[in-house]
């Protein structure tokens, strides 16, 4: 972030960070520390529940790692509209069909600290159609996007799927407690060059997964 180094503040690498004279740039340093700490983002019951469940699952897996912070960074009331042709088709069959489907769009992010800074390593975008939504979308959740980057660190290593599954299962538990009955997800591995939530990732982050393996991952 270039804003952290305005007013001629010099850059110190992580090995020399302790040598930086904080008193000369205290405002910039304090602002950077606040902005790079996911714990300072707003907390809601949903994020607290998922975070606690993830911590419990990681403990059960006997992993030694920095804690994973969960935050809901977006929650918007929105409406999807039925295509006119579909409405006309249903009317010709003598059946009514809703024109509007209200839902709540949410974005969930998971963070883990690396070198003192929170790094986002998992993202989940969902659409929640509640009890106030007409059929056929009533009490249904649609997982729009799920994306991750290979930054989770643990001892022993190789447990990225452990934390991703923990987040996803905890979210599904939360939606069940709220009365949602169905969850839908489109399972299709991205094609070469596709970017979803995490954009312009490095080649080291690009390891395509075959469709069968991806479907097995969700089971």
Protein backbone atom coordinates (compact mmCIF):
# COMPACT_ATOMS: atom_id res chain seq x y z
CA UNK A 1 0.00 0.00 0.00
CA UNK A 2 1.72 3.18 -1.19
CA UNK A 3 -0.29 5.27 1.29
CA UNK A 4 1.71 3.70 4.11
CA UNK A 5 4.90 5.24 2.74
CA UNK A 6 3.90 8.83 2.01
CA UNK A 7 5.79 11.80 3.48
CA UNK A 8 9.12 10.11 2.63
CA UNK A 9 8.63 7.23 5.06
CA UNK A 10 11.36 4.64 4.25
CA UNK A 11 10.52 0.99 3.64
CA UNK A 12 11.79 -1.71 6.03
CA UNK A 13 11.63 -5.39 5.16
CA UNK A 14 10.26 -7.86 7.70
CA UNK A 15 13.77 -8.72 8.91
CA UNK A 16 14.52 -5.06 9.69
CA UNK A 17 11.03 -3.93 10.66
CA UNK A 18 11.99 -3.70 14.32
CA UNK A 19 14.57 -1.03 13.46
CA UNK A 20 12.01 1.40 12.03
CA UNK A 21 11.77 4.64 14.09
CA UNK A 22 8.05 4.52 14.88
CA UNK A 23 7.94 7.98 16.49
CA UNK A 24 8.66 9.66 13.15
CA UNK A 25 5.71 8.08 11.33
CA UNK A 26 3.44 6.96 14.14
CA UNK A 27 0.19 8.01 12.43
CA UNK A 28 0.96 6.13 9.22
CA UNK A 29 2.18 3.04 11.08
CA UNK A 30 -0.88 2.98 13.35
CA UNK A 31 -3.24 3.40 10.40
CA UNK A 32 -1.52 0.57 8.51
CA UNK A 33 -1.71 -1.73 11.53
CA UNK A 34 -5.44 -1.05 11.86
CA UNK A 35 -6.16 -1.50 8.15
CA UNK A 36 -4.15 -4.75 7.94
CA UNK A 37 -5.88 -6.40 10.90
CA UNK A 38 -8.97 -8.39 9.93
CA UNK A 39 -10.10 -8.46 13.56
CA UNK A 40 -10.95 -4.76 13.21
CA UNK A 41 -13.63 -5.55 10.63
CA UNK A 42 -17.23 -5.63 11.86
CA UNK A 43 -18.25 -8.75 13.76
CA UNK A 44 -21.72 -10.30 13.47
CA UNK A 45 -23.12 -13.51 15.02
CA UNK A 46 -22.70 -15.39 11.73
CA UNK A 47 -18.97 -14.65 11.49
CA UNK A 48 -18.46 -15.47 15.17
CA UNK A 49 -20.21 -18.84 14.82
CA UNK A 50 -18.22 -19.85 11.72
CA UNK A 51 -14.92 -18.67 13.21
CA UNK A 52 -15.50 -20.70 16.38
CA UNK A 53 -16.44 -23.80 14.40
CA UNK A 54 -13.35 -23.48 12.21
CA UNK A 55 -11.11 -23.09 15.27
CA UNK A 56 -12.69 -26.20 16.79
CA UNK A 57 -12.16 -28.23 13.59
CA UNK A 58 -8.52 -27.15 13.29
CA UNK A 59 -7.94 -28.08 16.91
CA UNK A 60 -9.57 -31.47 16.35
CA UNK A 61 -7.22 -32.00 13.41
CA UNK A 62 -4.30 -31.27 15.77
CA UNK A 63 -2.96 -28.48 13.57
CA UNK A 64 -0.58 -25.86 14.86
CA UNK A 65 -1.26 -22.61 13.02
CA UNK A 66 -2.14 -18.97 13.33
CA UNK A 67 -5.89 -18.59 13.99
CA UNK A 68 -8.25 -18.09 11.07
CA UNK A 69 -10.38 -14.95 11.20
CA UNK A 70 -13.80 -14.97 9.53
CA UNK A 71 -15.62 -11.81 8.52
CA UNK A 72 -18.77 -11.06 6.53
CA UNK A 73 -17.65 -8.08 4.48
CA UNK A 74 -20.84 -7.56 2.49
CA UNK A 75 -24.52 -8.22 3.17
CA UNK A 76 -26.98 -6.63 0.74
CA UNK A 77 -30.71 -6.96 0.19
CA UNK A 78 -31.28 -7.57 -3.52
CA UNK A 79 -33.91 -8.84 -5.95
CA UNK A 80 -33.70 -11.18 -8.91
CA UNK A 81 -36.34 -10.98 -11.64
CA UNK A 82 -37.95 -13.80 -13.55
CA UNK A 83 -37.59 -13.62 -17.36
CA UNK A 84 -40.71 -12.31 -19.08
CA UNK A 85 -40.79 -15.29 -21.43
CA UNK A 86 -40.89 -17.66 -18.47
CA UNK A 87 -43.77 -15.74 -16.88
CA UNK A 88 -45.69 -15.74 -20.17
CA UNK A 89 -45.07 -19.45 -20.64
CA UNK A 90 -46.42 -20.26 -17.18
CA UNK A 91 -49.46 -18.07 -17.75
CA UNK A 92 -50.25 -19.96 -20.96
CA UNK A 93 -50.21 -23.13 -18.90
CA UNK A 94 -52.67 -21.55 -16.51
CA UNK A 95 -50.12 -21.23 -13.73
CA UNK A 96 -48.96 -18.08 -12.03
CA UNK A 97 -45.26 -17.40 -11.56
CA UNK A 98 -43.59 -14.79 -9.33
CA UNK A 99 -41.95 -11.83 -11.01
CA UNK A 100 -39.52 -11.03 -8.20
CA UNK A 101 -37.38 -13.06 -5.82
CA UNK A 102 -35.90 -11.09 -2.89
CA UNK A 103 -32.63 -12.41 -1.47
CA UNK A 104 -29.64 -11.42 0.59
CA UNK A 105 -26.24 -11.38 -1.08
CA UNK A 106 -23.31 -12.07 1.27
CA UNK A 107 -19.55 -12.18 0.92
CA UNK A 108 -17.48 -14.14 3.44
CA UNK A 109 -13.70 -13.87 3.71
CA UNK A 110 -11.23 -15.95 5.73
CA UNK A 111 -7.92 -14.48 6.86
CA UNK A 112 -4.75 -15.79 8.47
CA UNK A 113 -1.84 -13.75 9.76
CA UNK A 114 1.52 -14.01 8.00
CA UNK A 115 4.43 -11.94 9.23
CA UNK A 116 2.01 -9.95 11.37
CA UNK A 117 -0.35 -9.04 8.51
CA UNK A 118 -3.70 -10.63 7.72
CA UNK A 119 -3.79 -12.39 4.37
CA UNK A 120 -7.09 -13.28 2.72
CA UNK A 121 -6.97 -16.92 1.63
CA UNK A 122 -10.59 -17.97 1.10
CA UNK A 123 -13.73 -16.25 -0.20
CA UNK A 124 -17.35 -17.34 -0.43
CA UNK A 125 -20.16 -15.45 -2.22
CA UNK A 126 -23.71 -16.64 -1.54
CA UNK A 127 -27.33 -15.73 -2.27
CA UNK A 128 -29.79 -16.48 0.51
CA UNK A 129 -33.49 -16.72 -0.44
CA UNK A 130 -35.39 -16.76 2.84
CA UNK A 131 -38.89 -17.63 4.03
CA UNK A 132 -40.24 -14.35 2.59
CA UNK A 133 -39.23 -15.40 -0.94
CA UNK A 134 -41.84 -17.16 -3.09
CA UNK A 135 -41.34 -20.64 -4.48
CA UNK A 136 -39.40 -22.15 -6.12
CA UNK A 137 -36.60 -20.21 -4.39
CA UNK A 138 -38.05 -20.20 -0.86
CA UNK A 139 -35.55 -21.20 1.86
CA UNK A 140 -32.78 -21.89 -0.64
CA UNK A 141 -29.13 -20.89 -0.66
CA UNK A 142 -27.15 -20.56 -3.87
CA UNK A 143 -23.38 -20.63 -3.58
CA UNK A 144 -22.39 -18.24 -6.35
CA UNK A 145 -18.61 -18.33 -6.06
CA UNK A 146 -16.05 -20.11 -3.92
CA UNK A 147 -12.39 -19.29 -4.41
CA UNK A 148 -9.10 -19.67 -2.55
CA UNK A 149 -5.38 -19.03 -2.79
CA UNK A 150 -2.58 -21.22 -1.46
CA UNK A 151 -1.55 -19.12 1.53
CA UNK A 152 -2.79 -21.15 4.49
CA UNK A 153 0.12 -22.21 6.71
CA UNK A 154 0.03 -24.97 9.32
CA UNK A 155 2.14 -27.59 11.01
CA UNK A 156 1.97 -30.17 9.57
CA UNK A 157 1.45 -28.55 6.16
CA UNK A 158 -0.95 -29.63 3.44
CA UNK A 159 -4.21 -28.87 5.24
CA UNK A 160 -5.72 -26.19 3.05
CA UNK A 161 -8.75 -28.36 2.31
CA UNK A 162 -9.20 -28.90 6.04
CA UNK A 163 -9.77 -25.21 6.69
CA UNK A 164 -11.82 -24.68 3.51
CA UNK A 165 -14.13 -27.58 4.37
CA UNK A 166 -14.42 -26.29 7.93
CA UNK A 167 -15.58 -22.87 6.70
CA UNK A 168 -18.06 -24.33 4.23
CA UNK A 169 -19.54 -26.85 6.68
CA UNK A 170 -19.86 -24.19 9.39
CA UNK A 171 -21.67 -21.90 6.96
CA UNK A 172 -24.09 -24.69 6.03
CA UNK A 173 -24.71 -25.36 9.74
CA UNK A 174 -25.51 -21.67 10.21
CA UNK A 175 -27.97 -21.59 7.32
CA UNK A 176 -29.71 -24.71 8.62
CA UNK A 177 -30.19 -23.04 12.00
CA UNK A 178 -31.82 -20.11 10.19
CA UNK A 179 -34.34 -22.40 8.51
CA UNK A 180 -32.85 -22.79 5.04
CA UNK A 181 -33.62 -26.21 3.58
CA UNK A 182 -31.71 -26.44 0.30
CA UNK A 183 -28.26 -25.48 -0.93
CA UNK A 184 -27.28 -25.33 -4.59
CA UNK A 185 -23.81 -25.08 -6.08
CA UNK A 186 -22.50 -25.25 -9.63
CA UNK A 187 -19.49 -27.55 -9.60
CA UNK A 188 -17.35 -26.82 -12.63
CA UNK A 189 -13.57 -26.28 -12.53
CA UNK A 190 -12.38 -22.98 -14.02
CA UNK A 191 -10.90 -23.02 -17.49
CA UNK A 192 -7.39 -21.78 -18.16
CA UNK A 193 -7.30 -18.03 -17.69
CA UNK A 194 -10.59 -17.82 -15.77
CA UNK A 195 -10.56 -15.60 -12.70
CA UNK A 196 -13.36 -15.49 -10.17
CA UNK A 197 -12.83 -13.73 -6.84
CA UNK A 198 -9.03 -13.70 -6.56
CA UNK A 199 -7.88 -11.91 -9.68
CA UNK A 200 -4.55 -12.09 -11.57
CA UNK A 201 -3.00 -14.82 -9.44
CA UNK A 202 0.51 -16.07 -10.06
CA UNK A 203 1.34 -19.26 -11.95
CA UNK A 204 2.16 -20.97 -8.64
CA UNK A 205 -1.48 -20.43 -7.63
CA UNK A 206 -2.85 -21.98 -10.81
CA UNK A 207 -3.29 -25.74 -10.53
CA UNK A 208 -6.44 -26.77 -12.39
CA UNK A 209 -8.59 -29.52 -10.90
CA UNK A 210 -10.52 -32.02 -12.98
CA UNK A 211 -14.30 -32.05 -12.72
CA UNK A 212 -14.49 -35.46 -11.02
CA UNK A 213 -11.93 -34.50 -8.41
CA UNK A 214 -13.70 -31.19 -7.71
CA UNK A 215 -17.03 -32.93 -7.25
CA UNK A 216 -15.39 -35.40 -4.89
CA UNK A 217 -13.93 -32.45 -2.94
CA UNK A 218 -17.42 -31.12 -2.23
CA UNK A 219 -18.60 -34.48 -0.94
